[in-house]
PDB file of N, CA and C in Angstrom:
ATOM      1  N   MET A   1     -62.309  44.445  46.539  1.00  0.00           N
ATOM      2  CA  MET A   1     -60.882  44.078  46.489  1.00  0.00           C
ATOM      3  C   MET A   1     -60.607  42.608  46.163  1.00  0.00           C
ATOM      4  N   PHE A   2     -61.574  41.625  46.482  1.00  0.00           N
ATOM      5  CA  PHE A   2     -61.485  40.285  46.365  1.00  0.00           C
ATOM      6  C   PHE A   2     -62.256  39.963  44.686  1.00  0.00           C
ATOM      7  N   LYS A   3     -63.566  40.973  44.515  1.00  0.00           N
ATOM      8  CA  LYS A   3     -63.827  40.742  43.404  1.00  0.00           C
ATOM      9  C   LYS A   3     -63.029  41.005  41.966  1.00  0.00           C
ATOM     10  N   LYS A   4     -61.890  42.022  42.542  1.00  0.00           N
ATOM     11  CA  LYS A   4     -61.139  42.424  41.336  1.00  0.00           C
ATOM     12  C   LYS A   4     -60.141  41.353  41.236  1.00  0.00           C
ATOM     13  N   LEU A   5     -59.618  40.721  42.315  1.00  0.00           N
ATOM     14  CA  LEU A   5     -58.617  39.758  41.996  1.00  0.00           C
ATOM     15  C   LEU A   5     -59.138  38.372  41.346  1.00  0.00           C
ATOM     16  N   PHE A   6     -60.828  38.237  41.840  1.00  0.00           N
ATOM     17  CA  PHE A   6     -61.245  37.140  41.161  1.00  0.00           C
ATOM     18  C   PHE A   6     -61.516  37.375  39.776  1.00  0.00           C
ATOM     19  N   GLU A   7     -61.744  38.427  39.314  1.00  0.00           N
ATOM     20  CA  GLU A   7     -61.747  38.609  37.944  1.00  0.00           C
ATOM     21  C   GLU A   7     -60.417  38.731  37.086  1.00  0.00           C
ATOM     22  N   ILE A   8     -59.372  39.117  37.633  1.00  0.00           N
ATOM     23  CA  ILE A   8     -57.959  39.141  37.172  1.00  0.00           C
ATOM     24  C   ILE A   8     -57.814  37.321  37.050  1.00  0.00           C
ATOM     25  N   PHE A   9     -58.013  36.442  37.929  1.00  0.00           N
ATOM     26  CA  PHE A   9     -57.920  35.265  38.157  1.00  0.00           C
ATOM     27  C   PHE A   9     -58.543  34.528  37.022  1.00  0.00           C
ATOM     28  N   ARG A  10     -59.931  35.008  37.005  1.00  0.00           N
ATOM     29  CA  ARG A  10     -60.707  34.105  35.788  1.00  0.00           C
ATOM     30  C   ARG A  10     -60.199  34.613  34.548  1.00  0.00           C
ATOM     31  N   THR A  11     -59.916  35.927  34.156  1.00  0.00           N
ATOM     32  CA  THR A  11     -59.272  36.393  33.041  1.00  0.00           C
ATOM     33  C   THR A  11     -58.254  35.631  32.493  1.00  0.00           C
ATOM     34  N   GLN A  12     -57.196  35.278  33.421  1.00  0.00           N
ATOM     35  CA  GLN A  12     -55.892  34.841  33.410  1.00  0.00           C
ATOM     36  C   GLN A  12     -56.103  33.297  33.106  1.00  0.00           C
ATOM     37  N   LEU A  13     -57.261  32.843  33.647  1.00  0.00           N
ATOM     38  CA  LEU A  13     -57.742  31.283  33.539  1.00  0.00           C
ATOM     39  C   LEU A  13     -58.267  31.271  32.171  1.00  0.00           C
ATOM     40  N   PHE A  14     -59.021  32.109  31.365  1.00  0.00           N
ATOM     41  CA  PHE A  14     -59.417  31.975  30.275  1.00  0.00           C
ATOM     42  C   PHE A  14     -58.664  32.048  28.929  1.00  0.00           C
ATOM     43  N   LEU A  15     -57.564  33.133  29.574  1.00  0.00           N
ATOM     44  CA  LEU A  15     -56.391  33.304  28.386  1.00  0.00           C
ATOM     45  C   LEU A  15     -55.596  32.225  28.294  1.00  0.00           C
ATOM     46  N   ALA A  16     -55.490  31.452  29.461  1.00  0.00           N
ATOM     47  CA  ALA A  16     -54.712  30.193  29.406  1.00  0.00           C
ATOM     48  C   ALA A  16     -55.353  29.143  28.522  1.00  0.00           C
ATOM     49  N   ARG A  17     -56.552  29.029  28.679  1.00  0.00           N
ATOM     50  CA  ARG A  17     -57.329  28.220  27.921  1.00  0.00           C
ATOM     51  C   ARG A  17     -57.259  28.468  26.524  1.00  0.00           C
ATOM     52  N   ASP A  18     -57.587  29.696  26.008  1.00  0.00           N
ATOM     53  CA  ASP A  18     -57.567  29.939  24.894  1.00  0.00           C
ATOM     54  C   ASP A  18     -56.249  29.843  24.137  1.00  0.00           C
ATOM     55  N   VAL A  19     -55.055  30.128  25.171  1.00  0.00           N
ATOM     56  CA  VAL A  19     -53.660  29.961  24.468  1.00  0.00           C
ATOM     57  C   VAL A  19     -53.533  28.398  24.178  1.00  0.00           C
ATOM     58  N   ASP A  20     -54.032  27.380  25.105  1.00  0.00           N
ATOM     59  CA  ASP A  20     -53.917  26.106  24.731  1.00  0.00           C
ATOM     60  C   ASP A  20     -54.921  25.553  23.696  1.00  0.00           C
ATOM     61  N   GLU A  21     -55.982  26.217  23.329  1.00  0.00           N
ATOM     62  CA  GLU A  21     -56.747  25.792  22.333  1.00  0.00           C
ATOM     63  C   GLU A  21     -56.021  26.469  21.088  1.00  0.00           C
ATOM     64  N   ASN A  22     -55.429  27.526  21.008  1.00  0.00           N
ATOM     65  CA  ASN A  22     -54.825  28.019  19.779  1.00  0.00           C
ATOM     66  C   ASN A  22     -53.568  27.329  19.514  1.00  0.00           C
ATOM     67  N   LYS A  23     -53.106  26.869  20.695  1.00  0.00           N
ATOM     68  CA  LYS A  23     -51.910  25.792  20.528  1.00  0.00           C
ATOM     69  C   LYS A  23     -52.031  24.577  19.903  1.00  0.00           C
ATOM     70  N   ALA A  24     -53.342  24.108  20.175  1.00  0.00           N
ATOM     71  CA  ALA A  24     -53.883  22.854  19.393  1.00  0.00           C
ATOM     72  C   ALA A  24     -54.214  22.962  18.129  1.00  0.00           C
ATOM     73  N   ALA A  25     -54.976  23.974  17.739  1.00  0.00           N
ATOM     74  CA  ALA A  25     -55.482  24.648  16.301  1.00  0.00           C
ATOM     75  C   ALA A  25     -54.125  24.596  15.759  1.00  0.00           C
ATOM     76  N   ILE A  26     -53.042  25.521  16.012  1.00  0.00           N
ATOM     77  CA  ILE A  26     -51.870  25.581  15.372  1.00  0.00           C
ATOM     78  C   ILE A  26     -51.238  24.423  15.055  1.00  0.00           C
ATOM     79  N   THR A  27     -51.165  23.308  15.825  1.00  0.00           N
ATOM     80  CA  THR A  27     -50.621  21.976  15.455  1.00  0.00           C
ATOM     81  C   THR A  27     -51.123  21.362  14.694  1.00  0.00           C
ATOM     82  N   ALA A  28     -52.637  21.537  14.606  1.00  0.00           N
ATOM     83  CA  ALA A  28     -53.651  20.705  13.636  1.00  0.00           C
ATOM     84  C   ALA A  28     -53.343  21.322  12.482  1.00  0.00           C
ATOM     85  N   LEU A  29     -53.442  22.930  12.193  1.00  0.00           N
ATOM     86  CA  LEU A  29     -52.975  23.169  10.812  1.00  0.00           C
ATOM     87  C   LEU A  29     -51.656  23.052  10.293  1.00  0.00           C
ATOM     88  N   ARG A  30     -50.694  23.146  11.150  1.00  0.00           N
ATOM     89  CA  ARG A  30     -49.657  22.608  10.779  1.00  0.00           C
ATOM     90  C   ARG A  30     -49.299  21.140  10.039  1.00  0.00           C
ATOM     91  N   ARG A  31     -50.018  20.023  10.586  1.00  0.00           N
ATOM     92  CA  ARG A  31     -50.015  18.758  10.233  1.00  0.00           C
ATOM     93  C   ARG A  31     -51.042  18.706   8.910  1.00  0.00           C
ATOM     94  N   GLU A  32     -52.167  19.455   8.703  1.00  0.00           N
ATOM     95  CA  GLU A  32     -52.866  19.552   7.518  1.00  0.00           C
ATOM     96  C   GLU A  32     -52.008  20.152   6.542  1.00  0.00           C
ATOM     97  N   LEU A  33     -51.260  21.066   6.777  1.00  0.00           N
ATOM     98  CA  LEU A  33     -50.583  21.771   5.936  1.00  0.00           C
ATOM     99  C   LEU A  33     -49.395  21.025   5.128  1.00  0.00           C
ATOM    100  N   ASP A  34     -48.767  20.126   6.129  1.00  0.00           N
ATOM    101  CA  ASP A  34     -47.689  19.222   5.843  1.00  0.00           C
ATOM    102  C   ASP A  34     -48.222  18.043   4.964  1.00  0.00           C
ATOM    103  N   GLU A  35     -49.646  17.677   5.133  1.00  0.00           N
ATOM    104  CA  GLU A  35     -50.306  16.656   4.271  1.00  0.00           C
ATOM    105  C   GLU A  35     -50.762  17.370   3.195  1.00  0.00           C
ATOM    106  N   LEU A  36     -51.075  18.469   3.002  1.00  0.00           N
ATOM    107  CA  LEU A  36     -51.294  19.335   1.686  1.00  0.00           C
ATOM    108  C   LEU A  36     -50.130  19.153   1.024  1.00  0.00           C
ATOM    109  N   THR A  37     -49.015  19.726   1.498  1.00  0.00           N
ATOM    110  CA  THR A  37     -47.633  20.006   0.864  1.00  0.00           C
ATOM    111  C   THR A  37     -47.099  18.478   0.172  1.00  0.00           C
ATOM    112  N   GLU A  38     -47.640  17.399   0.945  1.00  0.00           N
ATOM    113  CA  GLU A  38     -47.054  16.226   0.374  1.00  0.00           C
ATOM    114  C   GLU A  38     -47.966  15.804  -0.781  1.00  0.00           C
ATOM    115  N   LEU A  39     -49.199  16.251  -0.294  1.00  0.00           N
ATOM    116  CA  LEU A  39     -50.168  15.789  -1.801  1.00  0.00           C
ATOM    117  C   LEU A  39     -49.765  16.682  -3.098  1.00  0.00           C
ATOM    118  N   VAL A  40     -49.447  17.827  -2.912  1.00  0.00           N
ATOM    119  CA  VAL A  40     -49.017  18.564  -3.905  1.00  0.00           C
ATOM    120  C   VAL A  40     -47.969  18.183  -4.809  1.00  0.00           C
ATOM    121  N   SER A  41     -46.817  17.714  -3.938  1.00  0.00           N
ATOM    122  CA  SER A  41     -45.814  17.332  -4.350  1.00  0.00           C
ATOM    123  C   SER A  41     -45.907  15.768  -5.061  1.00  0.00           C
ATOM    124  N   ASN A  42     -46.726  14.933  -4.497  1.00  0.00           N
ATOM    125  CA  ASN A  42     -47.286  13.747  -5.152  1.00  0.00           C
ATOM    126  C   ASN A  42     -47.848  13.955  -6.528  1.00  0.00           C
ATOM    127  N   LEU A  43     -48.884  14.941  -6.443  1.00  0.00           N
ATOM    128  CA  LEU A  43     -49.538  15.322  -8.022  1.00  0.00           C
ATOM    129  C   LEU A  43     -48.692  16.041  -9.008  1.00  0.00           C
ATOM    130  N   GLN A  44     -47.494  16.728  -8.368  1.00  0.00           N
ATOM    131  CA  GLN A  44     -46.643  17.290  -9.119  1.00  0.00           C
ATOM    132  C   GLN A  44     -45.831  16.133  -9.996  1.00  0.00           C
ATOM    133  N   HIS A  45     -45.462  15.261  -9.307  1.00  0.00           N
ATOM    134  CA  HIS A  45     -44.621  13.937  -9.817  1.00  0.00           C
ATOM    135  C   HIS A  45     -45.253  13.283 -10.715  1.00  0.00           C
ATOM    136  N   GLU A  46     -46.820  13.055 -10.459  1.00  0.00           N
ATOM    137  CA  GLU A  46     -47.624  12.435 -11.270  1.00  0.00           C
ATOM    138  C   GLU A  46     -47.950  12.912 -12.791  1.00  0.00           C
ATOM    139  N   ILE A  47     -47.902  14.397 -12.561  1.00  0.00           N
ATOM    140  CA  ILE A  47     -48.201  15.115 -13.689  1.00  0.00           C
ATOM    141  C   ILE A  47     -47.113  15.440 -14.779  1.00  0.00           C
ATOM    142  N   GLN A  48     -45.860  15.049 -14.069  1.00  0.00           N
ATOM    143  CA  GLN A  48     -44.593  15.062 -14.715  1.00  0.00           C
ATOM    144  C   GLN A  48     -44.797  13.804 -15.233  1.00  0.00           C
ATOM    145  N   SER A  49     -44.812  12.667 -14.728  1.00  0.00           N
ATOM    146  CA  SER A  49     -44.855  11.451 -15.382  1.00  0.00           C
ATOM    147  C   SER A  49     -45.750  11.055 -16.523  1.00  0.00           C
ATOM    148  N   ILE A  50     -47.111  11.958 -16.477  1.00  0.00           N
ATOM    149  CA  ILE A  50     -47.969  11.871 -17.406  1.00  0.00           C
ATOM    150  C   ILE A  50     -47.365  12.693 -18.668  1.00  0.00           C
ATOM    151  N   ARG A  51     -46.990  13.651 -18.462  1.00  0.00           N
ATOM    152  CA  ARG A  51     -46.320  14.542 -19.388  1.00  0.00           C
ATOM    153  C   ARG A  51     -45.274  13.918 -20.273  1.00  0.00           C
ATOM    154  N   GLU A  52     -44.470  13.264 -19.595  1.00  0.00           N
ATOM    155  CA  GLU A  52     -43.391  12.311 -20.192  1.00  0.00           C
ATOM    156  C   GLU A  52     -43.964  11.397 -21.031  1.00  0.00           C
ATOM    157  N   GLY A  53     -45.000  10.486 -20.330  1.00  0.00           N
ATOM    158  CA  GLY A  53     -45.513   9.438 -21.290  1.00  0.00           C
ATOM    159  C   GLY A  53     -46.326  10.170 -22.542  1.00  0.00           C
ATOM    160  N   GLU A  54     -47.044  11.224 -22.399  1.00  0.00           N
ATOM    161  CA  GLU A  54     -47.655  11.946 -23.385  1.00  0.00           C
ATOM    162  C   GLU A  54     -46.385  12.121 -24.623  1.00  0.00           C
ATOM    163  N   ARG A  55     -45.001  12.823 -24.117  1.00  0.00           N
ATOM    164  CA  ARG A  55     -44.198  13.130 -25.131  1.00  0.00           C
ATOM    165  C   ARG A  55     -43.950  11.838 -25.961  1.00  0.00           C
ATOM    166  N   HIS A  56     -43.627  10.813 -25.053  1.00  0.00           N
ATOM    167  CA  HIS A  56     -43.216   9.492 -25.722  1.00  0.00           C
ATOM    168  C   HIS A  56     -44.285   9.004 -26.725  1.00  0.00           C
ATOM    169  N   GLU A  57     -45.391   9.220 -26.506  1.00  0.00           N
ATOM    170  CA  GLU A  57     -46.596   8.832 -27.343  1.00  0.00           C
ATOM    171  C   GLU A  57     -46.568   9.806 -28.605  1.00  0.00           C
ATOM    172  N   ARG A  58     -46.278  10.984 -28.289  1.00  0.00           N
ATOM    173  CA  ARG A  58     -46.228  11.793 -29.602  1.00  0.00           C
ATOM    174  C   ARG A  58     -45.129  11.377 -30.638  1.00  0.00           C
ATOM    175  N   GLU A  59     -44.059  11.065 -29.850  1.00  0.00           N
ATOM    176  CA  GLU A  59     -42.682  10.574 -30.489  1.00  0.00           C
ATOM    177  C   GLU A  59     -43.133   9.287 -31.305  1.00  0.00           C
ATOM    178  N   LYS A  60     -43.724   8.620 -30.818  1.00  0.00           N
ATOM    179  CA  LYS A  60     -43.952   7.271 -31.297  1.00  0.00           C
ATOM    180  C   LYS A  60     -45.084   7.494 -32.695  1.00  0.00           C
ATOM    181  N   THR A  61     -46.095   8.377 -32.182  1.00  0.00           N
ATOM    182  CA  THR A  61     -46.970   8.650 -33.353  1.00  0.00           C
ATOM    183  C   THR A  61     -46.342   9.149 -34.694  1.00  0.00           C
ATOM    184  N   LEU A  62     -45.433  10.079 -34.323  1.00  0.00           N
ATOM    185  CA  LEU A  62     -44.880  10.818 -35.426  1.00  0.00           C
ATOM    186  C   LEU A  62     -43.741   9.727 -36.204  1.00  0.00           C
ATOM    187  N   LEU A  63     -43.162   8.972 -35.546  1.00  0.00           N
ATOM    188  CA  LEU A  63     -42.395   7.909 -36.063  1.00  0.00           C
ATOM    189  C   LEU A  63     -43.196   6.734 -37.162  1.00  0.00           C
ATOM    190  N   LYS A  64     -44.529   6.811 -36.450  1.00  0.00           N
ATOM    191  CA  LYS A  64     -45.393   5.829 -37.301  1.00  0.00           C
ATOM    192  C   LYS A  64     -45.877   6.667 -38.522  1.00  0.00           C
ATOM    193  N   ILE A  65     -46.138   7.879 -38.526  1.00  0.00           N
ATOM    194  CA  ILE A  65     -46.379   8.691 -39.586  1.00  0.00           C
ATOM    195  C   ILE A  65     -45.237   8.708 -40.682  1.00  0.00           C
ATOM    196  N   GLU A  66     -44.071   8.722 -40.231  1.00  0.00           N
ATOM    197  CA  GLU A  66     -42.843   8.990 -41.195  1.00  0.00           C
ATOM    198  C   GLU A  66     -42.698   7.406 -41.831  1.00  0.00           C
ATOM    199  N   ASN A  67     -42.810   6.409 -40.871  1.00  0.00           N
ATOM    200  CA  ASN A  67     -42.740   4.928 -41.657  1.00  0.00           C
ATOM    201  C   ASN A  67     -43.828   5.029 -42.669  1.00  0.00           C
ATOM    202  N   ALA A  68     -44.934   5.327 -42.397  1.00  0.00           N
ATOM    203  CA  ALA A  68     -45.735   5.151 -43.521  1.00  0.00           C
ATOM    204  C   ALA A  68     -45.772   6.020 -44.678  1.00  0.00           C
ATOM    205  N   LEU A  69     -45.300   7.098 -44.570  1.00  0.00           N
ATOM    206  CA  LEU A  69     -44.917   7.908 -45.455  1.00  0.00           C
ATOM    207  C   LEU A  69     -43.661   7.470 -46.514  1.00  0.00           C
ATOM    208  N   LEU A  70     -42.776   6.916 -45.675  1.00  0.00           N
ATOM    209  CA  LEU A  70     -41.782   6.319 -46.484  1.00  0.00           C
ATOM    210  C   LEU A  70     -42.236   4.940 -47.150  1.00  0.00           C
ATOM    211  N   LYS A  71     -43.076   4.050 -46.438  1.00  0.00           N
ATOM    212  CA  LYS A  71     -43.622   2.884 -47.406  1.00  0.00           C
ATOM    213  C   LYS A  71     -44.424   3.483 -48.736  1.00  0.00           C
ATOM    214  N   MET A  72     -44.910   4.658 -48.414  1.00  0.00           N
ATOM    215  CA  MET A  72     -45.938   5.262 -49.698  1.00  0.00           C
ATOM    216  C   MET A  72     -45.039   5.613 -50.842  1.00  0.00           C
ATOM    217  N   GLU A  73     -43.813   6.273 -50.409  1.00  0.00           N
ATOM    218  CA  GLU A  73     -42.946   6.943 -51.461  1.00  0.00           C
ATOM    219  C   GLU A  73     -42.242   5.688 -52.167  1.00  0.00           C
ATOM    220  N   ARG A  74     -41.948   4.350 -51.396  1.00  0.00           N
ATOM    221  CA  ARG A  74     -41.286   3.436 -52.405  1.00  0.00           C
ATOM    222  C   ARG A  74     -42.299   2.540 -53.103  1.00  0.00           C
ATOM    223  N   GLN A  75     -43.742   2.868 -53.037  1.00  0.00           N
ATOM    224  CA  GLN A  75     -44.775   2.334 -53.667  1.00  0.00           C
ATOM    225  C   GLN A  75     -44.983   3.357 -55.083  1.00  0.00           C
ATOM    226  N   LEU A  76     -44.510   4.567 -54.974  1.00  0.00           N
ATOM    227  CA  LEU A  76     -44.525   5.174 -56.197  1.00  0.00           C
ATOM    228  C   LEU A  76     -43.954   4.821 -57.452  1.00  0.00           C
ATOM    229  N   PRO A  77     -43.974   5.194 -58.386  1.00  0.00           N
ATOM    230  CA  PRO A  77     -43.169   4.843 -59.651  1.00  0.00           C
ATOM    231  C   PRO A  77     -42.398   5.751 -59.632  1.00  0.00           C
ATOM    232  N   PRO A  78     -41.022   5.446 -60.136  1.00  0.00           N
ATOM    233  CA  PRO A  78     -39.716   6.537 -60.066  1.00  0.00           C
ATOM    234  C   PRO A  78     -40.378   7.614 -60.978  1.00  0.00           C
ATOM    235  N   PRO A  79     -39.749   8.801 -60.812  1.00  0.00           N
ATOM    236  CA  PRO A  79     -39.902  10.375 -61.148  1.00  0.00           C
ATOM    237  C   PRO A  79     -39.284  10.072 -62.489  1.00  0.00           C
ATOM    238  N   GLY A  80     -39.892  10.462 -63.511  1.00  0.00           N
ATOM    239  CA  GLY A  80     -39.487  10.880 -64.953  1.00  0.00           C
ATOM    240  C   GLY A  80     -39.842   9.857 -65.920  1.00  0.00           C
ATOM    241  N   LYS A  81     -40.322   8.680 -65.308  1.00  0.00           N
ATOM    242  CA  LYS A  81     -40.926   7.628 -66.301  1.00  0.00           C
ATOM    243  C   LYS A  81     -42.465   7.416 -66.314  1.00  0.00           C
ATOM    244  N   LYS A  82     -42.963   7.965 -67.361  1.00  0.00           N
ATOM    245  CA  LYS A  82     -44.635   8.105 -67.591  1.00  0.00           C
ATOM    246  C   LYS A  82     -44.859   6.741 -68.173  1.00  0.00           C
ATOM    247  N   SER A  83     -46.049   6.135 -67.683  1.00  0.00           N
ATOM    248  CA  SER A  83     -46.559   5.110 -68.265  1.00  0.00           C
ATOM    249  C   SER A  83     -47.826   5.455 -69.131  1.00  0.00           C
ATOM    250  N   LYS A  84     -47.837   4.717 -70.238  1.00  0.00           N
ATOM    251  CA  LYS A  84     -48.697   5.011 -71.184  1.00  0.00           C
ATOM    252  C   LYS A  84     -49.905   3.931 -71.316  1.00  0.00           C
TER     253      LYS A  84
END
């Protein structure tokens, strides 16, 4: 009888310890998940900023090309007049 009671008490004790360990592990995992969520959010903002910067650079490059083409057009002789 005492042996059964001792086994039940022992099992309860181990279960309580396991529950405490699981609670601690869950808390650590939640903290890690929060950190990862913040990291992903920061990366998302950084990527968005980089994309915006790249878009501005493409626009500037296109404007430079357009300006260069316009300058070249001004240097060409007028159409219809052939020089001999």
